[in-house]
Amino acid sequence: MIRKIFIKNYILLFIILFPTIASAKIYTLTDCINLAKRNNFSIRKTAQNIAVTKAQYLSSYATILPNINATSSISRNSSILGDNMYNDTYSTNVSFNETVLDLPSIYRIKSLKKQLKGGIISYNAAASNLEISVANAFYDLLKKEKLLEVKKLGLSESEQNLKKTRLMYNLGTLSKVDLLRAEVIKNQSELDLLTAKKEKELSQANLIYLIGLQPDAEFG
């Protein structure tokens, strides 16, 4: 049985918004991992190869396991003497066949067993690496989303501060230096917000790529 590696799924949700609102869907970390495995060509191919090898491995035992055959027959002969016109004869044959030593079949079984074990190990390693990559991308996007909210709040506060500073400057209670400082802070907040948006978009694109969604999918 293929070993499954589970990553603890916290109550963290993302809404993936597709071109229409009707297609909006909530994805958990587990959903993202399952999507990634389902859409990853290498993972799918390895799983298919394991299934084929397992079937070959099980069927290969048929060449060395004991074989029992049973047949039954009935024959009827006519008779010209006696009261019975026909004589029925019943027969049953049972044969038991067992291969004493079949080296090619034994070698094939061992080879398939080794191949099956190697395939499972490769699958588990690839699946584990993919799970870790998706989890890292998932939490990185969460972090970028939180950072974006902080930068939005920072810009709003710097805009309000600039308005107050300009008003107080016009009233003569603050100097030109104070006004320039407020403008610099506001401009820096705008730059920080643009940077946060770009980082969020890159993080989002990375997660979408890992789980195999369409590039136009958007995480809200």
C-alpha atoms as a PDB file:
ATOM      1  CA  MET A   1       0.000   0.000   0.000  1.00  0.00           C
ATOM      2  CA  ILE A   2       1.296   3.431  -0.914  1.00  0.00           C
ATOM      3  CA  ARG A   3       2.220   5.366   2.192  1.00  0.00           C
ATOM      4  CA  LYS A   4       0.458   8.696   2.504  1.00  0.00           C
ATOM      5  CA  ILE A   5       2.117  11.679   4.128  1.00  0.00           C
ATOM      6  CA  PHE A   6      -0.267  14.146   5.714  1.00  0.00           C
ATOM      7  CA  ILE A   7       0.485  17.760   6.578  1.00  0.00           C
ATOM      8  CA  LYS A   8      -1.526  19.266   9.419  1.00  0.00           C
ATOM      9  CA  ASN A   9      -4.338  21.283   7.920  1.00  0.00           C
ATOM     10  CA  TYR A  10      -5.050  24.405   9.954  1.00  0.00           C
ATOM     11  CA  ILE A  11      -8.264  26.319   9.528  1.00  0.00           C
ATOM     12  CA  LEU A  12      -6.876  28.506   6.774  1.00  0.00           C
ATOM     13  CA  LEU A  13      -8.994  29.112   3.720  1.00  0.00           C
ATOM     14  CA  PHE A  14      -8.536  30.881   0.422  1.00  0.00           C
ATOM     15  CA  ILE A  15     -11.261  31.764  -2.012  1.00  0.00           C
ATOM     16  CA  ILE A  16     -10.268  31.140  -5.594  1.00  0.00           C
ATOM     17  CA  LEU A  17     -12.262  33.441  -7.816  1.00  0.00           C
ATOM     18  CA  PHE A  18     -12.613  32.336 -11.393  1.00  0.00           C
ATOM     19  CA  PRO A  19     -13.874  34.556 -14.236  1.00  0.00           C
ATOM     20  CA  THR A  20     -17.432  34.372 -12.880  1.00  0.00           C
ATOM     21  CA  ILE A  21     -18.601  34.802  -9.307  1.00  0.00           C
ATOM     22  CA  ALA A  22     -20.748  31.695  -9.644  1.00  0.00           C
ATOM     23  CA  SER A  23     -17.617  29.572  -9.939  1.00  0.00           C
ATOM     24  CA  ALA A  24     -16.043  30.888  -6.727  1.00  0.00           C
ATOM     25  CA  LYS A  25     -14.733  28.088  -4.540  1.00  0.00           C
ATOM     26  CA  ILE A  26     -13.006  27.789  -1.191  1.00  0.00           C
ATOM     27  CA  TYR A  27      -9.800  25.752  -1.109  1.00  0.00           C
ATOM     28  CA  THR A  28      -8.091  24.493   2.028  1.00  0.00           C
ATOM     29  CA  LEU A  29      -4.479  23.404   2.207  1.00  0.00           C
ATOM     30  CA  THR A  30      -5.621  19.796   1.824  1.00  0.00           C
ATOM     31  CA  ASP A  31      -7.596  20.737  -1.288  1.00  0.00           C
ATOM     32  CA  CYS A  32      -4.527  22.409  -2.780  1.00  0.00           C
ATOM     33  CA  ILE A  33      -2.346  19.366  -2.081  1.00  0.00           C
ATOM     34  CA  ASN A  34      -4.903  16.984  -3.584  1.00  0.00           C
ATOM     35  CA  LEU A  35      -5.240  19.185  -6.669  1.00  0.00           C
ATOM     36  CA  ALA A  36      -1.473  19.315  -7.061  1.00  0.00           C
ATOM     37  CA  LYS A  37      -1.192  15.524  -6.932  1.00  0.00           C
ATOM     38  CA  ARG A  38      -4.094  15.085  -9.327  1.00  0.00           C
ATOM     39  CA  ASN A  39      -2.743  17.570 -11.852  1.00  0.00           C
ATOM     40  CA  ASN A  40       0.953  16.736 -11.583  1.00  0.00           C
ATOM     41  CA  PHE A  41       1.906  14.649 -14.619  1.00  0.00           C
ATOM     42  CA  SER A  42       4.918  13.005 -12.987  1.00  0.00           C
ATOM     43  CA  ILE A  43       2.907  11.941  -9.924  1.00  0.00           C
ATOM     44  CA  ARG A  44       0.087  10.552 -12.070  1.00  0.00           C
ATOM     45  CA  LYS A  45       2.493   8.685 -14.335  1.00  0.00           C
ATOM     46  CA  THR A  46       4.305   7.130 -11.377  1.00  0.00           C
ATOM     47  CA  ALA A  47       0.997   6.013  -9.834  1.00  0.00           C
ATOM     48  CA  GLN A  48      -0.069   4.430 -13.134  1.00  0.00           C
ATOM     49  CA  ASN A  49       3.251   2.603 -13.443  1.00  0.00           C
ATOM     50  CA  ILE A  50       2.850   1.279  -9.892  1.00  0.00           C
ATOM     51  CA  ALA A  51      -0.634  -0.051 -10.715  1.00  0.00           C
ATOM     52  CA  VAL A  52       0.639  -1.816 -13.844  1.00  0.00           C
ATOM     53  CA  THR A  53       3.658  -3.293 -12.061  1.00  0.00           C
ATOM     54  CA  LYS A  54       1.483  -4.492  -9.171  1.00  0.00           C
ATOM     55  CA  ALA A  55      -0.881  -6.258 -11.581  1.00  0.00           C
ATOM     56  CA  GLN A  56       2.059  -7.903 -13.353  1.00  0.00           C
ATOM     57  CA  TYR A  57       3.590  -8.915 -10.029  1.00  0.00           C
ATOM     58  CA  LEU A  58       0.397 -10.588  -8.811  1.00  0.00           C
ATOM     59  CA  SER A  59      -0.276 -12.345 -12.116  1.00  0.00           C
ATOM     60  CA  SER A  60       3.298 -13.663 -12.274  1.00  0.00           C
ATOM     61  CA  TYR A  61       2.543 -16.014  -9.366  1.00  0.00           C
ATOM     62  CA  ALA A  62       0.142 -17.925 -11.604  1.00  0.00           C
ATOM     63  CA  THR A  63       3.109 -19.571 -13.341  1.00  0.00           C
ATOM     64  CA  ILE A  64       4.440 -21.217 -10.175  1.00  0.00           C
ATOM     65  CA  LEU A  65       1.325 -21.841  -8.059  1.00  0.00           C
ATOM     66  CA  PRO A  66      -0.198 -25.362  -8.033  1.00  0.00           C
ATOM     67  CA  ASN A  67      -2.854 -25.959 -10.676  1.00  0.00           C
ATOM     68  CA  ILE A  68      -5.855 -28.242 -10.134  1.00  0.00           C
ATOM     69  CA  ASN A  69      -8.037 -29.337 -13.058  1.00  0.00           C
ATOM     70  CA  ALA A  70     -11.249 -31.326 -12.730  1.00  0.00           C
ATOM     71  CA  THR A  71     -13.318 -32.749 -15.597  1.00  0.00           C
ATOM     72  CA  SER A  72     -16.504 -34.808 -15.609  1.00  0.00           C
ATOM     73  CA  SER A  73     -18.150 -36.771 -18.408  1.00  0.00           C
ATOM     74  CA  ILE A  74     -21.078 -39.077 -19.056  1.00  0.00           C
ATOM     75  CA  SER A  75     -21.533 -41.647 -21.808  1.00  0.00           C
ATOM     76  CA  ARG A  76     -24.587 -43.692 -22.776  1.00  0.00           C
ATOM     77  CA  ASN A  77     -24.465 -47.056 -24.539  1.00  0.00           C
ATOM     78  CA  SER A  78     -27.440 -48.951 -25.963  1.00  0.00           C
ATOM     79  CA  SER A  79     -28.125 -52.541 -24.913  1.00  0.00           C
ATOM     80  CA  ILE A  80     -30.169 -55.234 -26.615  1.00  0.00           C
ATOM     81  CA  LEU A  81     -30.299 -57.463 -23.551  1.00  0.00           C
ATOM     82  CA  GLY A  82     -32.077 -57.032 -20.260  1.00  0.00           C
ATOM     83  CA  ASP A  83     -34.719 -54.608 -19.157  1.00  0.00           C
ATOM     84  CA  ASN A  84     -32.589 -51.450 -19.556  1.00  0.00           C
ATOM     85  CA  MET A  85     -32.158 -50.234 -23.078  1.00  0.00           C
ATOM     86  CA  TYR A  86     -29.315 -47.873 -22.132  1.00  0.00           C
ATOM     87  CA  ASN A  87     -26.267 -48.058 -19.878  1.00  0.00           C
ATOM     88  CA  ASP A  88     -24.925 -44.746 -18.507  1.00  0.00           C
ATOM     89  CA  THR A  89     -21.288 -44.406 -17.554  1.00  0.00           C
ATOM     90  CA  TYR A  90     -20.094 -41.487 -15.376  1.00  0.00           C
ATOM     91  CA  SER A  91     -16.457 -40.498 -14.963  1.00  0.00           C
ATOM     92  CA  THR A  92     -14.569 -37.721 -13.172  1.00  0.00           C
ATOM     93  CA  ASN A  93     -10.890 -36.906 -13.557  1.00  0.00           C
ATOM     94  CA  VAL A  94      -8.916 -34.659 -11.209  1.00  0.00           C
ATOM     95  CA  SER A  95      -5.361 -33.619 -12.003  1.00  0.00           C
ATOM     96  CA  PHE A  96      -2.894 -31.711  -9.833  1.00  0.00           C
ATOM     97  CA  ASN A  97       0.057 -29.956 -11.415  1.00  0.00           C
ATOM     98  CA  GLU A  98       2.839 -28.200  -9.548  1.00  0.00           C
ATOM     99  CA  THR A  99       5.998 -26.649 -10.934  1.00  0.00           C
ATOM    100  CA  VAL A 100       8.945 -27.938  -8.957  1.00  0.00           C
ATOM    101  CA  LEU A 101      11.464 -25.329 -10.083  1.00  0.00           C
ATOM    102  CA  ASP A 102      10.881 -22.543 -12.601  1.00  0.00           C
ATOM    103  CA  LEU A 103      13.900 -20.268 -12.389  1.00  0.00           C
ATOM    104  CA  PRO A 104      12.792 -17.757 -15.070  1.00  0.00           C
ATOM    105  CA  SER A 105       9.436 -17.244 -13.330  1.00  0.00           C
ATOM    106  CA  ILE A 106      11.068 -16.903  -9.918  1.00  0.00           C
ATOM    107  CA  TYR A 107      13.509 -14.346 -11.301  1.00  0.00           C
ATOM    108  CA  ARG A 108      10.647 -12.409 -12.913  1.00  0.00           C
ATOM    109  CA  ILE A 109       8.699 -12.351  -9.632  1.00  0.00           C
ATOM    110  CA  LYS A 110      11.695 -11.044  -7.708  1.00  0.00           C
ATOM    111  CA  SER A 111      12.381  -8.449 -10.391  1.00  0.00           C
ATOM    112  CA  LEU A 112       8.781  -7.206 -10.388  1.00  0.00           C
ATOM    113  CA  LYS A 113       8.741  -7.080  -6.590  1.00  0.00           C
ATOM    114  CA  LYS A 114      11.875  -4.957  -6.580  1.00  0.00           C
ATOM    115  CA  GLN A 115      10.450  -2.740  -9.313  1.00  0.00           C
ATOM    116  CA  LEU A 116       7.189  -2.310  -7.393  1.00  0.00           C
ATOM    117  CA  LYS A 117       8.998  -1.402  -4.184  1.00  0.00           C
ATOM    118  CA  GLY A 118      11.173   1.118  -6.020  1.00  0.00           C
ATOM    119  CA  GLY A 119       8.130   2.676  -7.671  1.00  0.00           C
ATOM    120  CA  ILE A 120       6.360   3.116  -4.336  1.00  0.00           C
ATOM    121  CA  ILE A 121       9.449   4.708  -2.793  1.00  0.00           C
ATOM    122  CA  SER A 122       9.747   7.096  -5.743  1.00  0.00           C
ATOM    123  CA  TYR A 123       6.063   7.977  -5.533  1.00  0.00           C
ATOM    124  CA  ASN A 124       6.204   8.674  -1.801  1.00  0.00           C
ATOM    125  CA  ALA A 125       9.290  10.848  -2.199  1.00  0.00           C
ATOM    126  CA  ALA A 126       7.784  12.846  -5.072  1.00  0.00           C
ATOM    127  CA  ALA A 127       4.438  13.205  -3.295  1.00  0.00           C
ATOM    128  CA  SER A 128       6.136  14.324  -0.075  1.00  0.00           C
ATOM    129  CA  ASN A 129       8.225  16.938  -1.889  1.00  0.00           C
ATOM    130  CA  LEU A 130       5.147  18.215  -3.700  1.00  0.00           C
ATOM    131  CA  GLU A 131       3.180  18.457  -0.439  1.00  0.00           C
ATOM    132  CA  ILE A 132       5.964  20.480   1.166  1.00  0.00           C
ATOM    133  CA  SER A 133       6.210  22.799  -1.844  1.00  0.00           C
ATOM    134  CA  VAL A 134       2.450  23.387  -1.910  1.00  0.00           C
ATOM    135  CA  ALA A 135       2.320  23.974   1.853  1.00  0.00           C
ATOM    136  CA  ASN A 136       5.175  26.493   1.662  1.00  0.00           C
ATOM    137  CA  ALA A 137       3.496  28.300  -1.242  1.00  0.00           C
ATOM    138  CA  PHE A 138       0.132  28.238   0.558  1.00  0.00           C
ATOM    139  CA  TYR A 139       1.458  29.836   3.727  1.00  0.00           C
ATOM    140  CA  ASP A 140       3.636  32.249   1.777  1.00  0.00           C
ATOM    141  CA  LEU A 141       0.552  33.525  -0.037  1.00  0.00           C
ATOM    142  CA  LEU A 142      -1.234  33.862   3.293  1.00  0.00           C
ATOM    143  CA  LYS A 143       1.669  35.914   4.610  1.00  0.00           C
ATOM    144  CA  LYS A 144       1.694  38.100   1.496  1.00  0.00           C
ATOM    145  CA  GLU A 145      -2.060  38.666   1.826  1.00  0.00           C
ATOM    146  CA  LYS A 146      -1.647  39.816   5.427  1.00  0.00           C
ATOM    147  CA  LEU A 147       1.261  42.062   4.468  1.00  0.00           C
ATOM    148  CA  LEU A 148      -0.814  43.611   1.680  1.00  0.00           C
ATOM    149  CA  GLU A 149      -3.571  44.456   4.155  1.00  0.00           C
ATOM    150  CA  VAL A 150      -1.020  46.094   6.445  1.00  0.00           C
ATOM    151  CA  LYS A 151       0.354  48.185   3.570  1.00  0.00           C
ATOM    152  CA  LYS A 152      -3.159  49.266   2.574  1.00  0.00           C
ATOM    153  CA  LEU A 153      -3.794  50.395   6.128  1.00  0.00           C
ATOM    154  CA  GLY A 154      -0.435  52.176   6.187  1.00  0.00           C
ATOM    155  CA  LEU A 155      -1.264  54.103   3.009  1.00  0.00           C
ATOM    156  CA  SER A 156      -4.653  55.105   4.363  1.00  0.00           C
ATOM    157  CA  GLU A 157      -3.067  56.406   7.571  1.00  0.00           C
ATOM    158  CA  SER A 158      -0.332  58.285   5.687  1.00  0.00           C
ATOM    159  CA  GLU A 159      -2.948  59.936   3.451  1.00  0.00           C
ATOM    160  CA  GLN A 160      -4.941  61.045   6.473  1.00  0.00           C
ATOM    161  CA  ASN A 161      -1.756  62.306   8.114  1.00  0.00           C
ATOM    162  CA  LEU A 162      -0.853  64.291   4.979  1.00  0.00           C
ATOM    163  CA  LYS A 163      -4.279  65.935   4.924  1.00  0.00           C
ATOM    164  CA  LYS A 164      -3.962  66.974   8.562  1.00  0.00           C
ATOM    165  CA  THR A 165      -0.398  68.177   8.076  1.00  0.00           C
ATOM    166  CA  ARG A 166      -1.357  70.244   5.023  1.00  0.00           C
ATOM    167  CA  LEU A 167      -4.273  71.786   6.907  1.00  0.00           C
ATOM    168  CA  MET A 168      -2.085  72.674   9.879  1.00  0.00           C
ATOM    169  CA  TYR A 169       0.595  74.002   7.507  1.00  0.00           C
ATOM    170  CA  ASN A 170      -1.982  76.256   5.862  1.00  0.00           C
ATOM    171  CA  LEU A 171      -2.994  77.461   9.327  1.00  0.00           C
ATOM    172  CA  GLY A 172       0.635  78.218  10.073  1.00  0.00           C
ATOM    173  CA  THR A 173       1.050  75.760  12.952  1.00  0.00           C
ATOM    174  CA  LEU A 174       3.436  73.433  11.084  1.00  0.00           C
ATOM    175  CA  SER A 175       6.494  74.180   8.953  1.00  0.00           C
ATOM    176  CA  LYS A 176       7.214  73.384   5.315  1.00  0.00           C
ATOM    177  CA  VAL A 177       9.593  70.672   6.500  1.00  0.00           C
ATOM    178  CA  ASP A 178       6.740  68.942   8.338  1.00  0.00           C
ATOM    179  CA  LEU A 179       4.612  69.044   5.190  1.00  0.00           C
ATOM    180  CA  LEU A 180       7.416  67.643   3.030  1.00  0.00           C
ATOM    181  CA  ARG A 181       8.043  64.889   5.570  1.00  0.00           C
ATOM    182  CA  ALA A 182       4.353  63.896   5.473  1.00  0.00           C
ATOM    183  CA  GLU A 183       4.445  63.829   1.661  1.00  0.00           C
ATOM    184  CA  VAL A 184       7.529  61.610   1.678  1.00  0.00           C
ATOM    185  CA  ILE A 185       5.863  59.195   4.107  1.00  0.00           C
ATOM    186  CA  LYS A 186       2.746  59.065   1.930  1.00  0.00           C
ATOM    187  CA  ASN A 187       4.773  58.448  -1.250  1.00  0.00           C
ATOM    188  CA  GLN A 188       6.755  55.708   0.475  1.00  0.00           C
ATOM    189  CA  SER A 189       3.491  54.096   1.606  1.00  0.00           C
ATOM    190  CA  GLU A 190       2.289  54.042  -2.005  1.00  0.00           C
ATOM    191  CA  LEU A 191       5.534  52.412  -3.103  1.00  0.00           C
ATOM    192  CA  ASP A 192       5.307  49.855  -0.290  1.00  0.00           C
ATOM    193  CA  LEU A 193       1.745  49.012  -1.341  1.00  0.00           C
ATOM    194  CA  LEU A 194       2.746  48.489  -4.973  1.00  0.00           C
ATOM    195  CA  THR A 195       5.611  46.246  -3.872  1.00  0.00           C
ATOM    196  CA  ALA A 196       3.287  44.230  -1.617  1.00  0.00           C
ATOM    197  CA  LYS A 197       0.800  43.784  -4.478  1.00  0.00           C
ATOM    198  CA  LYS A 198       3.525  42.522  -6.800  1.00  0.00           C
ATOM    199  CA  GLU A 199       4.850  40.097  -4.177  1.00  0.00           C
ATOM    200  CA  LYS A 200       1.337  38.812  -3.565  1.00  0.00           C
ATOM    201  CA  GLU A 201       0.783  38.288  -7.303  1.00  0.00           C
ATOM    202  CA  LEU A 202       4.048  36.359  -7.637  1.00  0.00           C
ATOM    203  CA  SER A 203       3.229  34.201  -4.618  1.00  0.00           C
ATOM    204  CA  GLN A 204      -0.253  33.563  -5.982  1.00  0.00           C
ATOM    205  CA  ALA A 205       1.115  32.603  -9.408  1.00  0.00           C
ATOM    206  CA  ASN A 206       3.530  30.151  -7.774  1.00  0.00           C
ATOM    207  CA  LEU A 207       0.757  28.383  -5.849  1.00  0.00           C
ATOM    208  CA  ILE A 208      -1.527  28.285  -8.890  1.00  0.00           C
ATOM    209  CA  TYR A 209       1.297  26.728 -10.912  1.00  0.00           C
ATOM    210  CA  LEU A 210       1.993  24.080  -8.264  1.00  0.00           C
ATOM    211  CA  ILE A 211      -1.628  22.958  -7.957  1.00  0.00           C
ATOM    212  CA  GLY A 212      -2.200  23.010 -11.715  1.00  0.00           C
ATOM    213  CA  LEU A 213      -4.985  25.588 -11.983  1.00  0.00           C
ATOM    214  CA  GLN A 214      -5.539  27.909 -14.910  1.00  0.00           C
ATOM    215  CA  PRO A 215      -3.302  31.019 -14.864  1.00  0.00           C
ATOM    216  CA  ASP A 216      -6.356  33.318 -14.667  1.00  0.00           C
ATOM    217  CA  ALA A 217      -7.487  31.807 -11.357  1.00  0.00           C
ATOM    218  CA  GLU A 218      -7.309  34.334  -8.547  1.00  0.00           C
ATOM    219  CA  PHE A 219      -6.914  33.794  -4.834  1.00  0.00           C
ATOM    220  CA  GLY A 220      -8.925  36.235  -2.755  1.00  0.00           C
END
